[in-house]
Amino acid sequence: MNSFLVNRCICHDASFEEIKEHSEKNGFTTIKELQAEELCSTKCKMCAPYLELMLKTGETSFTPGEYLNRKEAG
C-alpha cells in the first residue's frame, strides 16, 4: 500500500483542505475560479485533476492516480 497521498497544491503550498474551505466560503465550483485567485493550479497544474475530484466529491486526500481510476470507472 502506498503511504503517499495527494492532498495539496505543491506550487502554491496550499492544502486541499484550505482550498476546499476557500471554495465553499466563496461559492467556487470550478478550478478556473480558484486559478483566477491564484490560490492553486496556476503553475505545474499537476493538482488540477485532484482538485476537480475535490470540487465534485468534497474529498481532500487522494492516492496517486486516483483520478484516472475514477475516470475509467464512471
C-alpha atoms as a PDB file:
ATOM      1  CA  MET A   1       0.000   0.000   0.000  1.00  0.00           C
ATOM      2  CA  ASN A   2       1.278   3.436  -0.934  1.00  0.00           C
ATOM      3  CA  SER A   3       1.521   5.737   2.086  1.00  0.00           C
ATOM      4  CA  PHE A   4       1.923   8.865  -0.045  1.00  0.00           C
ATOM      5  CA  LEU A   5      -1.281  10.839  -0.563  1.00  0.00           C
ATOM      6  CA  VAL A   6      -2.018  13.741  -2.862  1.00  0.00           C
ATOM      7  CA  ASN A   7      -3.541  16.405  -0.635  1.00  0.00           C
ATOM      8  CA  ARG A   8      -2.084  19.740  -1.670  1.00  0.00           C
ATOM      9  CA  CYS A   9      -1.036  22.074  -4.443  1.00  0.00           C
ATOM     10  CA  ILE A  10       2.725  21.927  -4.091  1.00  0.00           C
ATOM     11  CA  CYS A  11       3.491  25.012  -6.200  1.00  0.00           C
ATOM     12  CA  HIS A  12       1.295  27.244  -4.042  1.00  0.00           C
ATOM     13  CA  ASP A  13       1.883  25.306  -0.804  1.00  0.00           C
ATOM     14  CA  ALA A  14      -1.871  25.107  -0.239  1.00  0.00           C
ATOM     15  CA  SER A  15      -3.599  22.059   1.203  1.00  0.00           C
ATOM     16  CA  PHE A  16      -6.745  20.777  -0.451  1.00  0.00           C
ATOM     17  CA  GLU A  17      -8.451  21.349   2.929  1.00  0.00           C
ATOM     18  CA  GLU A  18      -7.585  25.059   2.714  1.00  0.00           C
ATOM     19  CA  ILE A  19      -8.613  25.220  -0.922  1.00  0.00           C
ATOM     20  CA  LYS A  20     -11.916  23.447  -0.199  1.00  0.00           C
ATOM     21  CA  GLU A  21     -12.665  25.829   2.659  1.00  0.00           C
ATOM     22  CA  HIS A  22     -11.932  28.837   0.423  1.00  0.00           C
ATOM     23  CA  SER A  23     -14.091  27.354  -2.351  1.00  0.00           C
ATOM     24  CA  GLU A  24     -17.046  26.799  -0.035  1.00  0.00           C
ATOM     25  CA  LYS A  25     -16.708  30.228   1.547  1.00  0.00           C
ATOM     26  CA  ASN A  26     -16.718  31.928  -1.863  1.00  0.00           C
ATOM     27  CA  GLY A  27     -19.113  29.608  -3.690  1.00  0.00           C
ATOM     28  CA  PHE A  28     -16.486  28.429  -6.168  1.00  0.00           C
ATOM     29  CA  THR A  29     -17.320  25.332  -8.179  1.00  0.00           C
ATOM     30  CA  THR A  30     -14.577  25.316 -10.833  1.00  0.00           C
ATOM     31  CA  ILE A  31     -10.811  25.224 -10.959  1.00  0.00           C
ATOM     32  CA  LYS A  32     -10.854  28.343 -13.152  1.00  0.00           C
ATOM     33  CA  GLU A  33     -12.352  30.311 -10.259  1.00  0.00           C
ATOM     34  CA  LEU A  34      -9.594  29.089  -7.948  1.00  0.00           C
ATOM     35  CA  GLN A  35      -6.921  29.821 -10.546  1.00  0.00           C
ATOM     36  CA  ALA A  36      -8.258  33.360 -11.015  1.00  0.00           C
ATOM     37  CA  GLU A  37      -7.470  33.989  -7.344  1.00  0.00           C
ATOM     38  CA  GLU A  38      -4.043  32.382  -7.829  1.00  0.00           C
ATOM     39  CA  LEU A  39      -4.800  30.066  -4.937  1.00  0.00           C
ATOM     40  CA  CYS A  40      -3.759  26.886  -6.743  1.00  0.00           C
ATOM     41  CA  SER A  41      -3.140  25.124 -10.038  1.00  0.00           C
ATOM     42  CA  THR A  42      -1.566  28.024 -11.938  1.00  0.00           C
ATOM     43  CA  LYS A  43       1.975  26.710 -12.302  1.00  0.00           C
ATOM     44  CA  CYS A  44       2.613  22.994 -12.970  1.00  0.00           C
ATOM     45  CA  LYS A  45      -1.142  22.188 -12.773  1.00  0.00           C
ATOM     46  CA  MET A  46      -0.495  18.607 -11.680  1.00  0.00           C
ATOM     47  CA  CYS A  47      -3.057  19.074  -8.906  1.00  0.00           C
ATOM     48  CA  ALA A  48      -5.855  20.031 -11.339  1.00  0.00           C
ATOM     49  CA  PRO A  49      -7.423  16.568 -11.754  1.00  0.00           C
ATOM     50  CA  TYR A  50      -7.373  16.061  -7.989  1.00  0.00           C
ATOM     51  CA  LEU A  51      -8.939  19.470  -7.432  1.00  0.00           C
ATOM     52  CA  GLU A  52     -11.686  18.507  -9.874  1.00  0.00           C
ATOM     53  CA  LEU A  53     -12.372  15.449  -7.711  1.00  0.00           C
ATOM     54  CA  MET A  54     -12.260  17.594  -4.589  1.00  0.00           C
ATOM     55  CA  LEU A  55     -14.815  20.026  -6.005  1.00  0.00           C
ATOM     56  CA  LYS A  56     -17.015  17.140  -7.139  1.00  0.00           C
ATOM     57  CA  THR A  57     -16.805  14.898  -4.063  1.00  0.00           C
ATOM     58  CA  GLY A  58     -15.643  17.084  -1.180  1.00  0.00           C
ATOM     59  CA  GLU A  59     -12.722  14.731  -0.526  1.00  0.00           C
ATOM     60  CA  THR A  60      -9.345  16.318   0.191  1.00  0.00           C
ATOM     61  CA  SER A  61      -6.907  13.411   0.059  1.00  0.00           C
ATOM     62  CA  PHE A  62      -6.266  11.017  -2.811  1.00  0.00           C
ATOM     63  CA  THR A  63      -3.972   8.167  -3.750  1.00  0.00           C
ATOM     64  CA  PRO A  64      -1.681   8.975  -6.677  1.00  0.00           C
ATOM     65  CA  GLY A  65      -3.505   8.379  -9.957  1.00  0.00           C
ATOM     66  CA  GLU A  66      -6.877   8.019  -8.253  1.00  0.00           C
ATOM     67  CA  TYR A  67      -8.495  10.434 -10.695  1.00  0.00           C
ATOM     68  CA  LEU A  68      -7.607   8.030 -13.534  1.00  0.00           C
ATOM     69  CA  ASN A  69      -9.225   5.076 -11.769  1.00  0.00           C
ATOM     70  CA  ARG A  70     -12.386   7.040 -11.128  1.00  0.00           C
ATOM     71  CA  LYS A  71     -12.493   8.342 -14.690  1.00  0.00           C
ATOM     72  CA  GLU A  72     -12.328   4.785 -16.030  1.00  0.00           C
ATOM     73  CA  ALA A  73     -14.995   3.575 -13.589  1.00  0.00           C
ATOM     74  CA  GLY A  74     -17.532   6.184 -14.306  1.00  0.00           C
END
